Amino acid sequence: MADAELDAMAKLVGLDIPAAFRDGVRHQLALNARLVAPLERFTPDADAAPAPVFEP
């Protein structure tokens, strides 16, 4: 991730990332992406019909 991309993301949430911490932030973002990727298959499809509710 380039510095400009990191600055743009930080600006969206009102943060200023000092140069000394940029590599650590990039590492954390990459780690988070790897941890969340396997869970995305459990995210419901927005276009799919809702699952039927079982009523005994």
N, C-alpha and C. Protein backbone atom coordinates (compact mmCIF):
# COMPACT_ATOMS: atom_id res chain seq x y z
N MET A 1 0.86 -1.16 0.00
CA MET A 1 0.00 0.00 0.00
C MET A 1 0.91 1.23 0.00
N ALA A 2 0.63 2.13 -0.88
CA ALA A 2 1.43 3.35 -0.99
C ALA A 2 1.07 4.33 0.12
N ASP A 3 1.99 5.26 0.39
CA ASP A 3 1.75 6.26 1.42
C ASP A 3 0.48 7.07 1.14
N ALA A 4 0.24 7.38 -0.12
CA ALA A 4 -0.94 8.17 -0.48
C ALA A 4 -2.23 7.41 -0.14
N GLU A 5 -2.24 6.10 -0.39
CA GLU A 5 -3.42 5.30 -0.06
C GLU A 5 -3.63 5.22 1.45
N LEU A 6 -2.54 5.06 2.17
CA LEU A 6 -2.62 5.00 3.62
C LEU A 6 -3.10 6.33 4.19
N ASP A 7 -2.60 7.43 3.65
CA ASP A 7 -3.04 8.76 4.08
C ASP A 7 -4.52 8.97 3.80
N ALA A 8 -4.99 8.51 2.63
CA ALA A 8 -6.40 8.67 2.28
C ALA A 8 -7.29 7.89 3.23
N MET A 9 -6.89 6.65 3.55
CA MET A 9 -7.69 5.85 4.49
C MET A 9 -7.70 6.49 5.88
N ALA A 10 -6.55 6.98 6.31
CA ALA A 10 -6.46 7.60 7.63
C ALA A 10 -7.29 8.87 7.69
N LYS A 11 -7.29 9.61 6.61
CA LYS A 11 -8.06 10.86 6.57
C LYS A 11 -9.56 10.59 6.68
N LEU A 12 -10.02 9.47 6.14
CA LEU A 12 -11.45 9.12 6.22
C LEU A 12 -11.93 8.99 7.66
N VAL A 13 -11.04 8.52 8.53
CA VAL A 13 -11.42 8.33 9.93
C VAL A 13 -10.82 9.39 10.84
N GLY A 14 -10.19 10.40 10.25
CA GLY A 14 -9.67 11.51 11.04
C GLY A 14 -8.37 11.22 11.77
N LEU A 15 -7.54 10.36 11.22
CA LEU A 15 -6.27 10.03 11.84
C LEU A 15 -5.10 10.60 11.07
N ASP A 16 -3.99 10.76 11.76
CA ASP A 16 -2.74 11.16 11.14
C ASP A 16 -1.71 10.12 11.57
N ILE A 17 -1.18 9.35 10.62
CA ILE A 17 -0.26 8.28 10.95
C ILE A 17 1.17 8.78 10.77
N PRO A 18 1.93 8.85 11.85
CA PRO A 18 3.33 9.27 11.75
C PRO A 18 4.14 8.31 10.88
N ALA A 19 5.16 8.82 10.23
CA ALA A 19 5.98 8.01 9.33
C ALA A 19 6.57 6.79 10.02
N ALA A 20 6.92 6.91 11.28
CA ALA A 20 7.54 5.80 12.00
C ALA A 20 6.58 4.62 12.19
N PHE A 21 5.29 4.84 12.10
CA PHE A 21 4.30 3.79 12.33
C PHE A 21 3.67 3.25 11.05
N ARG A 22 4.01 3.79 9.91
CA ARG A 22 3.36 3.39 8.65
C ARG A 22 3.53 1.91 8.32
N ASP A 23 4.74 1.38 8.50
CA ASP A 23 4.95 -0.04 8.20
C ASP A 23 4.14 -0.93 9.13
N GLY A 24 4.05 -0.56 10.40
CA GLY A 24 3.25 -1.33 11.35
C GLY A 24 1.77 -1.30 11.00
N VAL A 25 1.30 -0.15 10.56
CA VAL A 25 -0.11 -0.03 10.17
C VAL A 25 -0.37 -0.87 8.92
N ARG A 26 0.54 -0.83 7.96
CA ARG A 26 0.38 -1.65 6.76
C ARG A 26 0.34 -3.14 7.12
N HIS A 27 1.22 -3.54 8.02
CA HIS A 27 1.26 -4.94 8.46
C HIS A 27 -0.06 -5.33 9.13
N GLN A 28 -0.57 -4.48 9.99
CA GLN A 28 -1.82 -4.79 10.70
C GLN A 28 -3.00 -4.87 9.72
N LEU A 29 -3.05 -3.97 8.74
CA LEU A 29 -4.12 -4.02 7.75
C LEU A 29 -4.06 -5.31 6.93
N ALA A 30 -2.85 -5.72 6.56
CA ALA A 30 -2.70 -6.96 5.80
C ALA A 30 -3.10 -8.17 6.64
N LEU A 31 -2.70 -8.17 7.90
CA LEU A 31 -3.07 -9.26 8.80
C LEU A 31 -4.58 -9.34 8.97
N ASN A 32 -5.22 -8.19 9.18
CA ASN A 32 -6.67 -8.17 9.33
C ASN A 32 -7.37 -8.70 8.08
N ALA A 33 -6.87 -8.33 6.91
CA ALA A 33 -7.47 -8.80 5.66
C ALA A 33 -7.36 -10.31 5.55
N ARG A 34 -6.21 -10.88 5.96
CA ARG A 34 -6.04 -12.33 5.91
C ARG A 34 -6.94 -13.04 6.92
N LEU A 35 -7.18 -12.43 8.06
CA LEU A 35 -8.02 -13.06 9.07
C LEU A 35 -9.50 -13.00 8.71
N VAL A 36 -9.91 -11.94 8.04
CA VAL A 36 -11.32 -11.75 7.71
C VAL A 36 -11.72 -12.50 6.43
N ALA A 37 -10.78 -12.70 5.52
CA ALA A 37 -11.10 -13.33 4.23
C ALA A 37 -11.83 -14.66 4.37
N PRO A 38 -11.41 -15.58 5.23
CA PRO A 38 -12.15 -16.86 5.33
C PRO A 38 -13.57 -16.69 5.86
N LEU A 39 -13.83 -15.62 6.59
CA LEU A 39 -15.16 -15.42 7.16
C LEU A 39 -16.15 -14.83 6.15
N GLU A 40 -15.64 -14.28 5.06
CA GLU A 40 -16.53 -13.63 4.09
C GLU A 40 -17.52 -14.60 3.46
N ARG A 41 -17.17 -15.87 3.43
CA ARG A 41 -18.11 -16.84 2.84
C ARG A 41 -19.36 -17.01 3.69
N PHE A 42 -19.31 -16.58 4.94
CA PHE A 42 -20.47 -16.67 5.81
C PHE A 42 -21.36 -15.43 5.75
N THR A 43 -20.92 -14.41 5.02
CA THR A 43 -21.69 -13.18 4.89
C THR A 43 -22.87 -13.45 3.96
N PRO A 44 -24.07 -13.13 4.39
CA PRO A 44 -25.23 -13.40 3.53
C PRO A 44 -25.20 -12.52 2.28
N ASP A 45 -25.69 -13.07 1.20
CA ASP A 45 -25.77 -12.35 -0.06
C ASP A 45 -26.93 -11.36 0.03
N ALA A 46 -26.66 -10.11 -0.27
CA ALA A 46 -27.69 -9.06 -0.16
C ALA A 46 -28.83 -9.28 -1.15
N ASP A 47 -28.55 -9.94 -2.26
CA ASP A 47 -29.58 -10.15 -3.29
C ASP A 47 -30.39 -11.42 -3.05
N ALA A 48 -29.93 -12.27 -2.17
CA ALA A 48 -30.62 -13.54 -1.93
C ALA A 48 -31.88 -13.32 -1.09
N ALA A 49 -32.82 -14.18 -1.30
CA ALA A 49 -34.05 -14.11 -0.50
C ALA A 49 -33.74 -14.52 0.94
N PRO A 50 -34.45 -13.95 1.90
CA PRO A 50 -34.19 -14.33 3.29
C PRO A 50 -34.51 -15.80 3.53
N ALA A 51 -33.78 -16.40 4.44
CA ALA A 51 -34.00 -17.82 4.74
C ALA A 51 -35.36 -17.98 5.42
N PRO A 52 -36.03 -19.08 5.12
CA PRO A 52 -37.33 -19.30 5.76
C PRO A 52 -37.15 -19.52 7.27
N VAL A 53 -38.14 -19.09 8.00
CA VAL A 53 -38.11 -19.26 9.45
C VAL A 53 -38.86 -20.52 9.81
N PHE A 54 -38.23 -21.36 10.61
CA PHE A 54 -38.85 -22.61 11.02
C PHE A 54 -39.79 -22.35 12.18
N GLU A 55 -41.03 -22.77 12.01
CA GLU A 55 -42.01 -22.62 13.09
C GLU A 55 -42.54 -24.01 13.44
N PRO A 56 -42.27 -24.46 14.66
CA PRO A 56 -42.72 -25.82 15.04
C PRO A 56 -44.23 -25.92 15.18
